[in-house]
Amino acid sequence: MRVRECHPFSYAECSSLMSLPFQIASLQEDKKAMERLTKSKESALLEAEKILRSALERALMVEEVQNQNYELKRQIEICQVTFCKRFGK
């Protein structure tokens, strides 16, 4: 009796089936690598978000100080005009 007659798969099919565990293992390794990369990217995004929030807070503080400076300059101008009117200078 021949091997071909008692075995329903061809040599190529058997070879392909035998390589499946290796292919599965390789895909599992790829999946783990993708999960690590995803976690790394998520961490980087969270860090970038913290940096952006900090930069926004600083920009808002700068804007507030600039507004205060503008108001102080305006008040100085008013005082100077008032002084000049009173004392004729």
Foldseek 3Di string as FASTA:
>chain_A
DDPPVVDVDDPVVVVVVVCVVVVVVVVVVVVVVVVVVVVVVVVVVVVVVVVVVVVVVVVVVVVVVVVVVVVVVVVVVVVVVVVCVVVVD
